[in-house]
N, C-alpha and C. Protein backbone atom coordinates (compact mmCIF):
# COMPACT_ATOMS: atom_id res chain seq x y z
N PHE A 1 1.13 14.60 21.54
CA PHE A 1 -0.08 14.76 20.75
C PHE A 1 -0.31 13.55 19.84
N GLU A 2 0.77 13.01 19.30
CA GLU A 2 0.63 11.91 18.35
C GLU A 2 0.04 10.66 18.99
N THR A 3 0.43 10.35 20.23
CA THR A 3 -0.08 9.14 20.87
C THR A 3 -1.57 9.25 21.14
N GLU A 4 -2.05 10.43 21.55
CA GLU A 4 -3.49 10.61 21.77
C GLU A 4 -4.25 10.52 20.45
N MET A 5 -3.67 11.08 19.41
CA MET A 5 -4.31 11.04 18.09
C MET A 5 -4.40 9.61 17.57
N VAL A 6 -3.34 8.85 17.70
CA VAL A 6 -3.33 7.46 17.25
C VAL A 6 -4.36 6.65 18.04
N ALA A 7 -4.42 6.87 19.35
CA ALA A 7 -5.39 6.14 20.18
C ALA A 7 -6.82 6.50 19.79
N GLY A 8 -7.08 7.76 19.50
CA GLY A 8 -8.41 8.18 19.08
C GLY A 8 -8.80 7.59 17.74
N ILE A 9 -7.89 7.59 16.81
CA ILE A 9 -8.17 7.03 15.48
C ILE A 9 -8.33 5.52 15.56
N ARG A 10 -7.55 4.87 16.43
CA ARG A 10 -7.67 3.42 16.60
C ARG A 10 -9.08 3.06 17.07
N SER A 11 -9.65 3.88 17.95
CA SER A 11 -11.00 3.59 18.43
C SER A 11 -12.05 3.80 17.35
N LEU A 12 -11.74 4.58 16.35
CA LEU A 12 -12.66 4.84 15.24
C LEU A 12 -12.37 3.99 14.00
N SER A 13 -11.47 3.04 14.11
CA SER A 13 -11.02 2.30 12.93
C SER A 13 -12.13 1.47 12.29
N THR A 14 -12.98 0.83 13.07
CA THR A 14 -14.04 0.00 12.49
C THR A 14 -15.03 0.84 11.68
N PRO A 15 -15.58 1.93 12.22
CA PRO A 15 -16.47 2.75 11.38
C PRO A 15 -15.77 3.35 10.17
N LEU A 16 -14.50 3.72 10.32
CA LEU A 16 -13.76 4.27 9.18
C LEU A 16 -13.55 3.22 8.09
N ASN A 17 -13.22 2.00 8.49
CA ASN A 17 -13.07 0.93 7.50
C ASN A 17 -14.39 0.62 6.81
N ASN A 18 -15.48 0.66 7.56
CA ASN A 18 -16.79 0.46 6.95
C ASN A 18 -17.10 1.56 5.94
N ALA A 19 -16.74 2.79 6.28
CA ALA A 19 -16.96 3.90 5.37
C ALA A 19 -16.07 3.79 4.13
N ILE A 20 -14.83 3.37 4.32
CA ILE A 20 -13.91 3.19 3.18
C ILE A 20 -14.46 2.13 2.23
N SER A 21 -15.00 1.06 2.78
CA SER A 21 -15.50 -0.05 1.97
C SER A 21 -16.91 0.17 1.43
N SER A 22 -17.52 1.27 1.78
CA SER A 22 -18.90 1.55 1.39
C SER A 22 -19.04 1.66 -0.13
N GLU A 23 -20.21 1.29 -0.60
CA GLU A 23 -20.52 1.44 -2.03
C GLU A 23 -20.87 2.89 -2.37
N ARG A 24 -21.13 3.68 -1.37
CA ARG A 24 -21.44 5.10 -1.58
C ARG A 24 -20.13 5.85 -1.80
N SER A 25 -19.96 6.39 -2.99
CA SER A 25 -18.66 6.95 -3.36
C SER A 25 -18.29 8.19 -2.56
N ARG A 26 -19.25 9.02 -2.19
CA ARG A 26 -18.92 10.22 -1.42
C ARG A 26 -18.47 9.86 0.00
N LEU A 27 -19.14 8.90 0.60
CA LEU A 27 -18.76 8.45 1.94
C LEU A 27 -17.37 7.82 1.91
N SER A 28 -17.14 6.97 0.93
CA SER A 28 -15.85 6.31 0.79
C SER A 28 -14.75 7.34 0.53
N ALA A 29 -15.03 8.32 -0.32
CA ALA A 29 -14.03 9.34 -0.65
C ALA A 29 -13.64 10.15 0.58
N ALA A 30 -14.61 10.50 1.41
CA ALA A 30 -14.31 11.27 2.62
C ALA A 30 -13.45 10.47 3.59
N ALA A 31 -13.75 9.19 3.75
CA ALA A 31 -12.99 8.35 4.66
C ALA A 31 -11.56 8.13 4.14
N ILE A 32 -11.43 7.91 2.84
CA ILE A 32 -10.10 7.73 2.24
C ILE A 32 -9.28 9.01 2.37
N GLU A 33 -9.91 10.14 2.16
CA GLU A 33 -9.22 11.42 2.29
C GLU A 33 -8.77 11.65 3.74
N LEU A 34 -9.58 11.22 4.69
CA LEU A 34 -9.20 11.35 6.10
C LEU A 34 -7.96 10.51 6.40
N VAL A 35 -7.92 9.27 5.92
CA VAL A 35 -6.77 8.42 6.15
C VAL A 35 -5.52 9.02 5.48
N SER A 36 -5.70 9.54 4.30
CA SER A 36 -4.58 10.17 3.60
C SER A 36 -4.06 11.39 4.36
N SER A 37 -4.96 12.20 4.87
CA SER A 37 -4.57 13.38 5.64
C SER A 37 -3.92 13.00 6.96
N LEU A 38 -4.43 11.94 7.58
CA LEU A 38 -3.82 11.47 8.83
C LEU A 38 -2.39 11.01 8.60
N SER A 39 -2.17 10.29 7.50
CA SER A 39 -0.81 9.82 7.22
C SER A 39 0.13 11.00 6.94
N ALA A 40 -0.40 12.03 6.29
CA ALA A 40 0.43 13.20 6.02
C ALA A 40 0.73 13.96 7.31
N GLY A 41 -0.26 14.07 8.18
CA GLY A 41 -0.07 14.82 9.41
C GLY A 41 0.77 14.09 10.44
N LEU A 42 0.57 12.78 10.55
CA LEU A 42 1.29 12.01 11.56
C LEU A 42 2.66 11.55 11.09
N GLY A 43 2.82 11.37 9.79
CA GLY A 43 4.11 10.92 9.25
C GLY A 43 4.46 9.53 9.77
N PRO A 44 5.69 9.33 10.25
CA PRO A 44 6.08 8.01 10.76
C PRO A 44 5.27 7.54 11.96
N ALA A 45 4.61 8.46 12.67
CA ALA A 45 3.77 8.07 13.81
C ALA A 45 2.49 7.37 13.37
N PHE A 46 2.22 7.35 12.07
CA PHE A 46 1.05 6.67 11.52
C PHE A 46 1.24 5.15 11.51
N GLU A 47 2.46 4.68 11.74
CA GLU A 47 2.78 3.25 11.62
C GLU A 47 1.87 2.32 12.43
N PRO A 48 1.46 2.65 13.68
CA PRO A 48 0.55 1.74 14.39
C PRO A 48 -0.82 1.60 13.74
N LEU A 49 -1.18 2.53 12.87
CA LEU A 49 -2.49 2.49 12.20
C LEU A 49 -2.45 1.74 10.88
N ILE A 50 -1.27 1.39 10.40
CA ILE A 50 -1.14 0.69 9.13
C ILE A 50 -1.91 -0.63 9.11
N PRO A 51 -1.79 -1.49 10.14
CA PRO A 51 -2.55 -2.75 10.09
C PRO A 51 -4.07 -2.56 10.11
N LEU A 52 -4.52 -1.41 10.56
CA LEU A 52 -5.95 -1.16 10.62
C LEU A 52 -6.54 -0.73 9.28
N PHE A 53 -5.80 0.08 8.52
CA PHE A 53 -6.36 0.67 7.31
C PHE A 53 -5.77 0.16 6.00
N PHE A 54 -4.52 -0.25 6.01
CA PHE A 54 -3.85 -0.60 4.76
C PHE A 54 -4.48 -1.79 4.04
N PRO A 55 -4.84 -2.89 4.73
CA PRO A 55 -5.49 -4.00 4.01
C PRO A 55 -6.82 -3.60 3.37
N THR A 56 -7.58 -2.75 4.04
CA THR A 56 -8.85 -2.29 3.48
C THR A 56 -8.62 -1.47 2.22
N LEU A 57 -7.62 -0.60 2.25
CA LEU A 57 -7.30 0.21 1.07
C LEU A 57 -6.82 -0.67 -0.08
N LEU A 58 -6.01 -1.67 0.23
CA LEU A 58 -5.53 -2.56 -0.83
C LEU A 58 -6.68 -3.36 -1.44
N ARG A 59 -7.60 -3.85 -0.62
CA ARG A 59 -8.74 -4.61 -1.15
C ARG A 59 -9.64 -3.73 -2.01
N LEU A 60 -9.67 -2.44 -1.71
CA LEU A 60 -10.47 -1.52 -2.50
C LEU A 60 -9.92 -1.41 -3.93
N CYS A 61 -8.63 -1.63 -4.11
CA CYS A 61 -8.02 -1.58 -5.44
C CYS A 61 -8.44 -2.76 -6.31
N ALA A 62 -9.04 -3.78 -5.73
CA ALA A 62 -9.47 -4.94 -6.50
C ALA A 62 -10.85 -4.73 -7.11
N ARG A 63 -11.52 -3.66 -6.76
CA ARG A 63 -12.86 -3.39 -7.33
C ARG A 63 -12.75 -3.01 -8.80
N THR A 64 -13.85 -3.21 -9.50
CA THR A 64 -13.87 -2.88 -10.92
C THR A 64 -14.16 -1.40 -11.17
N ASN A 65 -14.70 -0.71 -10.20
CA ASN A 65 -15.01 0.71 -10.33
C ASN A 65 -13.71 1.52 -10.26
N THR A 66 -13.38 2.21 -11.33
CA THR A 66 -12.09 2.92 -11.39
C THR A 66 -12.04 4.13 -10.45
N VAL A 67 -13.19 4.69 -10.10
CA VAL A 67 -13.19 5.82 -9.18
C VAL A 67 -12.68 5.38 -7.81
N PHE A 68 -13.19 4.26 -7.31
CA PHE A 68 -12.74 3.73 -6.03
C PHE A 68 -11.26 3.33 -6.11
N THR A 69 -10.89 2.68 -7.20
CA THR A 69 -9.52 2.22 -7.36
C THR A 69 -8.54 3.38 -7.39
N ARG A 70 -8.88 4.44 -8.10
CA ARG A 70 -8.00 5.60 -8.22
C ARG A 70 -7.80 6.28 -6.86
N ARG A 71 -8.89 6.43 -6.12
CA ARG A 71 -8.79 7.06 -4.80
C ARG A 71 -7.96 6.23 -3.84
N ALA A 72 -8.22 4.93 -3.82
CA ALA A 72 -7.49 4.04 -2.91
C ALA A 72 -6.01 4.01 -3.28
N LYS A 73 -5.70 3.98 -4.56
CA LYS A 73 -4.30 3.96 -5.01
C LYS A 73 -3.58 5.23 -4.57
N ALA A 74 -4.22 6.37 -4.72
CA ALA A 74 -3.60 7.63 -4.30
C ALA A 74 -3.35 7.63 -2.80
N CYS A 75 -4.28 7.12 -2.03
CA CYS A 75 -4.11 7.06 -0.58
C CYS A 75 -2.99 6.10 -0.19
N ILE A 76 -2.93 4.97 -0.87
CA ILE A 76 -1.87 3.98 -0.58
C ILE A 76 -0.50 4.60 -0.80
N PHE A 77 -0.33 5.30 -1.90
CA PHE A 77 0.99 5.89 -2.18
C PHE A 77 1.27 7.08 -1.25
N ASN A 78 0.24 7.77 -0.79
CA ASN A 78 0.46 8.81 0.22
C ASN A 78 0.94 8.20 1.53
N VAL A 79 0.32 7.09 1.92
CA VAL A 79 0.74 6.42 3.16
C VAL A 79 2.18 5.92 3.03
N ILE A 80 2.51 5.33 1.88
CA ILE A 80 3.88 4.85 1.67
C ILE A 80 4.88 6.00 1.76
N GLU A 81 4.58 7.09 1.11
CA GLU A 81 5.49 8.23 1.08
C GLU A 81 5.62 8.90 2.44
N ASN A 82 4.50 9.02 3.16
CA ASN A 82 4.52 9.76 4.42
C ASN A 82 5.07 8.95 5.59
N THR A 83 4.78 7.66 5.65
CA THR A 83 5.21 6.87 6.80
C THR A 83 6.59 6.25 6.60
N GLN A 84 6.88 5.83 5.39
CA GLN A 84 8.14 5.17 5.06
C GLN A 84 8.45 4.04 6.03
N SER A 85 7.44 3.22 6.27
CA SER A 85 7.56 2.13 7.23
C SER A 85 7.88 0.81 6.52
N PRO A 86 8.80 0.01 7.06
CA PRO A 86 9.07 -1.30 6.47
C PRO A 86 7.90 -2.27 6.64
N LEU A 87 6.97 -1.96 7.53
CA LEU A 87 5.79 -2.79 7.74
C LEU A 87 4.90 -2.84 6.49
N LEU A 88 4.94 -1.80 5.68
CA LEU A 88 4.12 -1.74 4.47
C LEU A 88 4.49 -2.83 3.48
N LEU A 89 5.75 -3.18 3.44
CA LEU A 89 6.23 -4.15 2.46
C LEU A 89 5.56 -5.51 2.63
N SER A 90 5.34 -5.93 3.86
CA SER A 90 4.70 -7.23 4.08
C SER A 90 3.27 -7.24 3.57
N TYR A 91 2.56 -6.12 3.71
CA TYR A 91 1.18 -6.05 3.19
C TYR A 91 1.16 -6.03 1.67
N LEU A 92 2.09 -5.30 1.08
CA LEU A 92 2.13 -5.21 -0.38
C LEU A 92 2.50 -6.55 -1.02
N THR A 93 3.47 -7.25 -0.45
CA THR A 93 3.88 -8.52 -1.03
C THR A 93 2.78 -9.58 -0.92
N GLU A 94 1.92 -9.42 0.06
CA GLU A 94 0.81 -10.37 0.23
C GLU A 94 -0.16 -10.31 -0.96
N TYR A 95 -0.31 -9.13 -1.57
CA TYR A 95 -1.29 -8.95 -2.63
C TYR A 95 -0.70 -8.99 -4.04
N VAL A 96 0.58 -9.30 -4.18
CA VAL A 96 1.20 -9.37 -5.51
C VAL A 96 0.63 -10.54 -6.33
N ASN A 97 0.13 -11.57 -5.67
CA ASN A 97 -0.41 -12.74 -6.37
C ASN A 97 -1.93 -12.75 -6.40
N HIS A 98 -2.57 -11.64 -6.13
CA HIS A 98 -4.04 -11.57 -6.11
C HIS A 98 -4.59 -11.75 -7.51
N LYS A 99 -5.85 -12.19 -7.62
CA LYS A 99 -6.43 -12.42 -8.95
C LYS A 99 -6.75 -11.12 -9.68
N SER A 100 -6.90 -10.02 -8.97
CA SER A 100 -7.20 -8.73 -9.59
C SER A 100 -5.92 -8.11 -10.16
N THR A 101 -5.97 -7.79 -11.44
CA THR A 101 -4.80 -7.20 -12.11
C THR A 101 -4.47 -5.83 -11.54
N SER A 102 -5.49 -5.02 -11.30
CA SER A 102 -5.23 -3.67 -10.79
C SER A 102 -4.60 -3.72 -9.40
N LEU A 103 -5.01 -4.67 -8.57
CA LEU A 103 -4.41 -4.81 -7.24
C LEU A 103 -2.97 -5.32 -7.34
N ARG A 104 -2.71 -6.25 -8.25
CA ARG A 104 -1.33 -6.73 -8.44
C ARG A 104 -0.42 -5.59 -8.89
N LEU A 105 -0.93 -4.75 -9.77
CA LEU A 105 -0.13 -3.62 -10.27
C LEU A 105 0.14 -2.60 -9.17
N VAL A 106 -0.88 -2.28 -8.37
CA VAL A 106 -0.69 -1.35 -7.26
C VAL A 106 0.30 -1.91 -6.25
N ALA A 107 0.18 -3.20 -5.96
CA ALA A 107 1.10 -3.83 -5.00
C ALA A 107 2.54 -3.80 -5.53
N ALA A 108 2.73 -4.10 -6.81
CA ALA A 108 4.07 -4.09 -7.38
C ALA A 108 4.66 -2.68 -7.39
N LYS A 109 3.86 -1.69 -7.76
CA LYS A 109 4.36 -0.31 -7.76
C LYS A 109 4.61 0.18 -6.33
N GLY A 110 3.81 -0.31 -5.39
CA GLY A 110 4.03 0.03 -3.99
C GLY A 110 5.34 -0.54 -3.47
N VAL A 111 5.66 -1.76 -3.87
CA VAL A 111 6.94 -2.37 -3.48
C VAL A 111 8.08 -1.53 -4.05
N LEU A 112 7.94 -1.10 -5.28
CA LEU A 112 8.97 -0.26 -5.90
C LEU A 112 9.14 1.04 -5.13
N ALA A 113 8.03 1.63 -4.70
CA ALA A 113 8.11 2.87 -3.91
C ALA A 113 8.78 2.62 -2.56
N CYS A 114 8.54 1.45 -1.98
CA CYS A 114 9.16 1.12 -0.68
C CYS A 114 10.67 0.94 -0.80
N LEU A 115 11.15 0.57 -1.96
CA LEU A 115 12.60 0.37 -2.14
C LEU A 115 13.36 1.69 -2.08
N ASN A 116 12.66 2.79 -2.25
CA ASN A 116 13.34 4.08 -2.32
C ASN A 116 13.71 4.68 -0.98
N PHE A 117 13.19 4.16 0.13
CA PHE A 117 13.39 4.90 1.37
C PHE A 117 14.04 4.16 2.52
N LYS A 118 14.15 2.86 2.49
CA LYS A 118 14.76 2.16 3.62
C LYS A 118 15.85 1.22 3.12
N PRO A 119 16.93 1.08 3.87
CA PRO A 119 17.94 0.10 3.48
C PRO A 119 17.39 -1.31 3.64
N LEU A 120 17.89 -2.20 2.83
CA LEU A 120 17.39 -3.58 2.85
C LEU A 120 18.06 -4.39 3.95
N ASN A 121 17.26 -5.25 4.57
CA ASN A 121 17.81 -6.26 5.45
C ASN A 121 17.44 -7.62 4.85
N ASP A 122 17.85 -8.70 5.49
CA ASP A 122 17.64 -10.03 4.91
C ASP A 122 16.16 -10.36 4.71
N THR A 123 15.32 -9.99 5.68
CA THR A 123 13.89 -10.29 5.58
C THR A 123 13.26 -9.54 4.43
N ARG A 124 13.57 -8.26 4.33
CA ARG A 124 13.00 -7.45 3.25
C ARG A 124 13.54 -7.91 1.90
N ALA A 125 14.79 -8.27 1.83
CA ALA A 125 15.37 -8.74 0.57
C ALA A 125 14.68 -10.02 0.12
N HIS A 126 14.38 -10.90 1.05
CA HIS A 126 13.68 -12.15 0.72
C HIS A 126 12.28 -11.85 0.18
N LEU A 127 11.57 -10.91 0.79
CA LEU A 127 10.24 -10.53 0.30
C LEU A 127 10.31 -9.95 -1.10
N ILE A 128 11.29 -9.11 -1.34
CA ILE A 128 11.41 -8.46 -2.65
C ILE A 128 11.80 -9.48 -3.72
N GLU A 129 12.62 -10.43 -3.39
CA GLU A 129 12.97 -11.48 -4.36
C GLU A 129 11.73 -12.29 -4.74
N GLY A 130 10.86 -12.54 -3.78
CA GLY A 130 9.60 -13.24 -4.09
C GLY A 130 8.71 -12.42 -5.00
N VAL A 131 8.68 -11.12 -4.78
CA VAL A 131 7.88 -10.23 -5.64
C VAL A 131 8.45 -10.22 -7.05
N ILE A 132 9.76 -10.20 -7.18
CA ILE A 132 10.39 -10.20 -8.51
C ILE A 132 10.04 -11.49 -9.25
N LYS A 133 10.08 -12.62 -8.56
CA LYS A 133 9.70 -13.89 -9.20
C LYS A 133 8.25 -13.89 -9.63
N SER A 134 7.37 -13.41 -8.77
CA SER A 134 5.94 -13.41 -9.08
C SER A 134 5.60 -12.50 -10.25
N THR A 135 6.17 -11.30 -10.22
CA THR A 135 5.83 -10.33 -11.26
C THR A 135 6.47 -10.68 -12.60
N SER A 136 7.60 -11.37 -12.59
CA SER A 136 8.24 -11.72 -13.86
C SER A 136 7.44 -12.77 -14.62
N GLN A 137 6.58 -13.50 -13.93
CA GLN A 137 5.78 -14.55 -14.57
C GLN A 137 4.32 -14.13 -14.73
N ASP A 138 4.00 -12.87 -14.51
CA ASP A 138 2.62 -12.41 -14.57
C ASP A 138 2.12 -12.37 -16.01
N ALA A 139 0.81 -12.54 -16.16
CA ALA A 139 0.21 -12.54 -17.50
C ALA A 139 0.14 -11.14 -18.10
N ARG A 140 0.06 -10.12 -17.28
CA ARG A 140 -0.07 -8.75 -17.76
C ARG A 140 1.29 -8.10 -17.95
N ALA A 141 1.44 -7.40 -19.07
CA ALA A 141 2.71 -6.77 -19.41
C ALA A 141 3.04 -5.62 -18.46
N ASP A 142 2.03 -4.87 -18.01
CA ASP A 142 2.32 -3.75 -17.12
C ASP A 142 2.80 -4.21 -15.74
N VAL A 143 2.32 -5.36 -15.29
CA VAL A 143 2.79 -5.92 -14.03
C VAL A 143 4.22 -6.44 -14.20
N ARG A 144 4.49 -7.08 -15.35
CA ARG A 144 5.86 -7.54 -15.62
C ARG A 144 6.82 -6.36 -15.70
N LYS A 145 6.38 -5.25 -16.30
CA LYS A 145 7.22 -4.05 -16.40
C LYS A 145 7.51 -3.49 -15.01
N ALA A 146 6.51 -3.48 -14.13
CA ALA A 146 6.73 -3.03 -12.75
C ALA A 146 7.72 -3.96 -12.05
N GLY A 147 7.62 -5.26 -12.31
CA GLY A 147 8.57 -6.21 -11.75
C GLY A 147 9.98 -5.98 -12.26
N GLU A 148 10.10 -5.61 -13.51
CA GLU A 148 11.41 -5.30 -14.08
C GLU A 148 12.01 -4.06 -13.42
N ASN A 149 11.15 -3.06 -13.16
CA ASN A 149 11.62 -1.86 -12.46
C ASN A 149 12.05 -2.18 -11.04
N ILE A 150 11.33 -3.10 -10.38
CA ILE A 150 11.72 -3.53 -9.04
C ILE A 150 13.08 -4.21 -9.09
N LEU A 151 13.29 -5.06 -10.09
CA LEU A 151 14.57 -5.75 -10.24
C LEU A 151 15.71 -4.76 -10.44
N GLN A 152 15.51 -3.75 -11.27
CA GLN A 152 16.55 -2.75 -11.50
C GLN A 152 16.87 -1.99 -10.21
N ALA A 153 15.84 -1.61 -9.45
CA ALA A 153 16.07 -0.89 -8.19
C ALA A 153 16.76 -1.80 -7.18
N TYR A 154 16.39 -3.08 -7.19
CA TYR A 154 17.00 -4.04 -6.27
C TYR A 154 18.47 -4.24 -6.60
N LYS A 155 18.78 -4.32 -7.90
CA LYS A 155 20.18 -4.44 -8.31
C LYS A 155 21.00 -3.22 -7.91
N ALA A 156 20.38 -2.05 -7.98
CA ALA A 156 21.09 -0.83 -7.61
C ALA A 156 21.38 -0.82 -6.10
N LEU A 157 20.45 -1.36 -5.30
CA LEU A 157 20.65 -1.38 -3.85
C LEU A 157 21.64 -2.46 -3.41
N LEU A 158 21.52 -3.63 -4.02
CA LEU A 158 22.39 -4.76 -3.70
C LEU A 158 23.03 -5.29 -4.99
N PRO A 159 24.14 -4.72 -5.42
CA PRO A 159 24.73 -5.13 -6.71
C PRO A 159 25.21 -6.56 -6.74
């Protein structure tokens, strides 16, 4: 069932991404809720859909409208929790240096959430070390605090 579902959703990814990015809040909310529900229902089988929806959700966090940002953030953390995929880390680390403070904060907290479920390998450890360096030099205190939390979790995993 999961393979047919993933194939069907993949074929609908362009209209869904357009709906997620829409300025119409009700349309965007429905599309974001669908992605969140799909991640909950499919669990780890949602992983092939991550490259299709995750960048759009992350870019939505860079908007100034807090309604869109709050919805996208909730969906991002649902996807992280439900899929527990190491693929998410590469997308999150890409946005740690973005000019939007809210997106940097979501990316840093997402990296912290990713540290809780998978053992580290050399590639992931290298990505996390880069995030720690970036967040420790950030202008915003809340991003620096998230970076400090990442460092503490990293030390606990690799003493």
